[in-house]
Amino acid sequence: QVQLVESGGGLVQVGGSLRLSCVASGRSSTNTMEWYRQAPGKQREVVASIISSGRTTYTEFVKGRFTISRDNAKNTVYLQMNSLKPEDSAVYYCSAYDSIRFSRSWGQGTQVTVSS
């Protein structure tokens, strides 16, 4: 499995920006990389995905505000979050899905808090 370490979370005001990073150990360039988030009392939900070719998908509530990208040379995936809203507050998790081995790895999460 791939080991993932997220960073970049923190406290930001409404309308502000943050960039999350996720560094993967081991071979991850062929994996689908995703960002999930989980707010207190809610289920974990996918936010954005990027496959090895670079194609991206976003959930509706972040389209136009968040951008996922990856640097395979650095084994790193990013989530640029702009125009943040209080409802974006959650623990954000990085995930790597290996479609060959049908396995998923998770990072430890990073807290994002948006204050109004």
C-alpha atoms as a PDB file:
ATOM      1  CA  GLN A   1       0.000   0.000   0.000  1.00  0.00           C
ATOM      2  CA  VAL A   2       0.891   3.621  -0.445  1.00  0.00           C
ATOM      3  CA  GLN A   3       1.511   5.795   2.605  1.00  0.00           C
ATOM      4  CA  LEU A   4       0.046   9.279   2.410  1.00  0.00           C
ATOM      5  CA  VAL A   5       0.819  12.385   4.455  1.00  0.00           C
ATOM      6  CA  GLU A   6      -1.364  15.480   4.156  1.00  0.00           C
ATOM      7  CA  SER A   7      -0.474  19.029   5.114  1.00  0.00           C
ATOM      8  CA  GLY A   8      -1.688  22.558   4.562  1.00  0.00           C
ATOM      9  CA  GLY A   9      -4.845  22.665   6.610  1.00  0.00           C
ATOM     10  CA  GLY A  10      -5.630  25.448   9.029  1.00  0.00           C
ATOM     11  CA  LEU A  11      -7.959  28.261   9.982  1.00  0.00           C
ATOM     12  CA  VAL A  12      -9.037  30.696   7.295  1.00  0.00           C
ATOM     13  CA  GLN A  13     -11.713  33.343   6.968  1.00  0.00           C
ATOM     14  CA  VAL A  14     -14.657  33.130   4.609  1.00  0.00           C
ATOM     15  CA  GLY A  15     -13.540  33.824   1.069  1.00  0.00           C
ATOM     16  CA  GLY A  16      -9.965  32.865   1.796  1.00  0.00           C
ATOM     17  CA  SER A  17      -7.765  30.204   0.233  1.00  0.00           C
ATOM     18  CA  LEU A  18      -5.752  27.201   1.304  1.00  0.00           C
ATOM     19  CA  ARG A  19      -3.650  24.689  -0.535  1.00  0.00           C
ATOM     20  CA  LEU A  20      -3.513  21.147   0.728  1.00  0.00           C
ATOM     21  CA  SER A  21      -0.670  18.829  -0.155  1.00  0.00           C
ATOM     22  CA  CYS A  22      -0.455  15.067  -0.009  1.00  0.00           C
ATOM     23  CA  VAL A  23       2.871  13.319  -0.354  1.00  0.00           C
ATOM     24  CA  ALA A  24       2.806   9.651  -1.261  1.00  0.00           C
ATOM     25  CA  SER A  25       5.506   7.174  -0.429  1.00  0.00           C
ATOM     26  CA  GLY A  26       6.054   4.398  -2.882  1.00  0.00           C
ATOM     27  CA  ARG A  27       4.838   4.130  -6.417  1.00  0.00           C
ATOM     28  CA  SER A  28       1.660   6.150  -6.849  1.00  0.00           C
ATOM     29  CA  SER A  29       1.851   7.662 -10.329  1.00  0.00           C
ATOM     30  CA  THR A  30      -0.636   5.145 -11.742  1.00  0.00           C
ATOM     31  CA  ASN A  31      -3.096   5.511  -8.897  1.00  0.00           C
ATOM     32  CA  THR A  32      -6.234   7.548  -8.900  1.00  0.00           C
ATOM     33  CA  MET A  33      -5.688  10.245  -6.303  1.00  0.00           C
ATOM     34  CA  GLU A  34      -8.623  11.753  -4.485  1.00  0.00           C
ATOM     35  CA  TRP A  35      -9.465  14.228  -1.793  1.00  0.00           C
ATOM     36  CA  TYR A  36     -12.298  13.435   0.594  1.00  0.00           C
ATOM     37  CA  ARG A  37     -13.648  15.388   3.505  1.00  0.00           C
ATOM     38  CA  GLN A  38     -15.626  14.601   6.613  1.00  0.00           C
ATOM     39  CA  ALA A  39     -17.419  17.136   8.769  1.00  0.00           C
ATOM     40  CA  PRO A  40     -18.544  16.301  12.326  1.00  0.00           C
ATOM     41  CA  GLY A  41     -21.605  14.077  12.289  1.00  0.00           C
ATOM     42  CA  LYS A  42     -21.481  13.602   8.539  1.00  0.00           C
ATOM     43  CA  GLN A  43     -20.279  10.872   6.228  1.00  0.00           C
ATOM     44  CA  ARG A  44     -16.997  11.123   4.436  1.00  0.00           C
ATOM     45  CA  GLU A  45     -17.540  12.460   0.928  1.00  0.00           C
ATOM     46  CA  VAL A  46     -15.393  12.729  -2.150  1.00  0.00           C
ATOM     47  CA  VAL A  47     -14.369  16.235  -3.142  1.00  0.00           C
ATOM     48  CA  ALA A  48     -12.144  15.807  -6.192  1.00  0.00           C
ATOM     49  CA  SER A  49     -10.337  13.119  -8.146  1.00  0.00           C
ATOM     50  CA  ILE A  50      -7.434  13.003 -10.576  1.00  0.00           C
ATOM     51  CA  ILE A  51      -6.369   9.994 -12.581  1.00  0.00           C
ATOM     52  CA  SER A  52      -2.887   9.218 -13.853  1.00  0.00           C
ATOM     53  CA  SER A  53      -3.523  10.990 -17.180  1.00  0.00           C
ATOM     54  CA  GLY A  54      -4.388  14.168 -15.316  1.00  0.00           C
ATOM     55  CA  ARG A  55      -8.115  14.138 -15.973  1.00  0.00           C
ATOM     56  CA  THR A  56     -10.022  15.596 -13.070  1.00  0.00           C
ATOM     57  CA  THR A  57     -13.509  15.361 -11.634  1.00  0.00           C
ATOM     58  CA  TYR A  58     -15.158  17.447  -8.932  1.00  0.00           C
ATOM     59  CA  THR A  59     -18.183  17.169  -6.817  1.00  0.00           C
ATOM     60  CA  GLU A  60     -20.777  19.804  -7.554  1.00  0.00           C
ATOM     61  CA  PHE A  61     -20.325  21.857  -4.411  1.00  0.00           C
ATOM     62  CA  VAL A  62     -16.660  22.658  -5.131  1.00  0.00           C
ATOM     63  CA  LYS A  63     -16.705  23.141  -8.884  1.00  0.00           C
ATOM     64  CA  GLY A  64     -15.152  26.436  -9.857  1.00  0.00           C
ATOM     65  CA  ARG A  65     -13.617  26.913  -6.413  1.00  0.00           C
ATOM     66  CA  PHE A  66     -11.297  23.932  -5.877  1.00  0.00           C
ATOM     67  CA  THR A  67      -8.584  22.600  -8.157  1.00  0.00           C
ATOM     68  CA  ILE A  68      -6.898  19.225  -7.824  1.00  0.00           C
ATOM     69  CA  SER A  69      -3.506  18.652  -9.416  1.00  0.00           C
ATOM     70  CA  ARG A  70      -0.661  16.191  -9.178  1.00  0.00           C
ATOM     71  CA  ASP A  71       3.093  16.217  -9.628  1.00  0.00           C
ATOM     72  CA  ASN A  72       4.093  12.636 -10.333  1.00  0.00           C
ATOM     73  CA  ALA A  73       7.800  13.466 -10.134  1.00  0.00           C
ATOM     74  CA  LYS A  74       7.257  14.566  -6.539  1.00  0.00           C
ATOM     75  CA  ASN A  75       4.628  11.929  -5.740  1.00  0.00           C
ATOM     76  CA  THR A  76       2.433  14.777  -4.574  1.00  0.00           C
ATOM     77  CA  VAL A  77      -1.178  15.721  -5.120  1.00  0.00           C
ATOM     78  CA  TYR A  78      -2.566  19.142  -4.299  1.00  0.00           C
ATOM     79  CA  LEU A  79      -5.943  20.642  -3.595  1.00  0.00           C
ATOM     80  CA  GLN A  80      -6.151  24.376  -4.141  1.00  0.00           C
ATOM     81  CA  MET A  81      -9.206  25.705  -2.354  1.00  0.00           C
ATOM     82  CA  ASN A  82     -10.455  29.205  -3.116  1.00  0.00           C
ATOM     83  CA  SER A  83     -13.523  31.177  -2.058  1.00  0.00           C
ATOM     84  CA  LEU A  84     -13.850  29.036   1.028  1.00  0.00           C
ATOM     85  CA  LYS A  85     -17.167  28.841   2.840  1.00  0.00           C
ATOM     86  CA  PRO A  86     -18.008  27.791   6.414  1.00  0.00           C
ATOM     87  CA  GLU A  87     -19.556  24.605   5.048  1.00  0.00           C
ATOM     88  CA  ASP A  88     -16.152  23.635   3.665  1.00  0.00           C
ATOM     89  CA  SER A  89     -14.948  23.120   7.236  1.00  0.00           C
ATOM     90  CA  ALA A  90     -14.003  19.480   7.687  1.00  0.00           C
ATOM     91  CA  VAL A  91     -11.127  17.080   8.013  1.00  0.00           C
ATOM     92  CA  TYR A  92      -9.719  16.574   4.539  1.00  0.00           C
ATOM     93  CA  TYR A  93      -8.281  13.206   3.622  1.00  0.00           C
ATOM     94  CA  CYS A  94      -6.056  12.217   0.764  1.00  0.00           C
ATOM     95  CA  SER A  95      -6.715   8.834  -0.804  1.00  0.00           C
ATOM     96  CA  ALA A  96      -4.908   6.712  -3.362  1.00  0.00           C
ATOM     97  CA  TYR A  97      -6.808   4.041  -5.239  1.00  0.00           C
ATOM     98  CA  ASP A  98      -4.911   1.271  -7.004  1.00  0.00           C
ATOM     99  CA  SER A  99      -7.247  -0.071  -9.675  1.00  0.00           C
ATOM    100  CA  ILE A 100      -4.930  -3.015 -10.421  1.00  0.00           C
ATOM    101  CA  ARG A 101      -4.725  -4.286  -6.856  1.00  0.00           C
ATOM    102  CA  PHE A 102      -8.177  -2.957  -5.922  1.00  0.00           C
ATOM    103  CA  SER A 103      -6.748  -1.347  -2.823  1.00  0.00           C
ATOM    104  CA  ARG A 104      -7.227   2.067  -1.271  1.00  0.00           C
ATOM    105  CA  SER A 105      -4.887   3.936   1.025  1.00  0.00           C
ATOM    106  CA  TRP A 106      -5.739   6.870   3.282  1.00  0.00           C
ATOM    107  CA  GLY A 107      -3.804   9.677   4.856  1.00  0.00           C
ATOM    108  CA  GLN A 108      -4.299  10.773   8.447  1.00  0.00           C
ATOM    109  CA  GLY A 109      -6.294  13.864   7.504  1.00  0.00           C
ATOM    110  CA  THR A 110      -5.792  17.590   7.897  1.00  0.00           C
ATOM    111  CA  GLN A 111      -8.275  19.958   9.519  1.00  0.00           C
ATOM    112  CA  VAL A 112      -9.692  22.876   7.549  1.00  0.00           C
ATOM    113  CA  THR A 113     -11.747  25.428   9.438  1.00  0.00           C
ATOM    114  CA  VAL A 114     -13.439  28.353   7.720  1.00  0.00           C
ATOM    115  CA  SER A 115     -14.592  31.083  10.079  1.00  0.00           C
ATOM    116  CA  SER A 116     -17.399  33.502   9.275  1.00  0.00           C
END
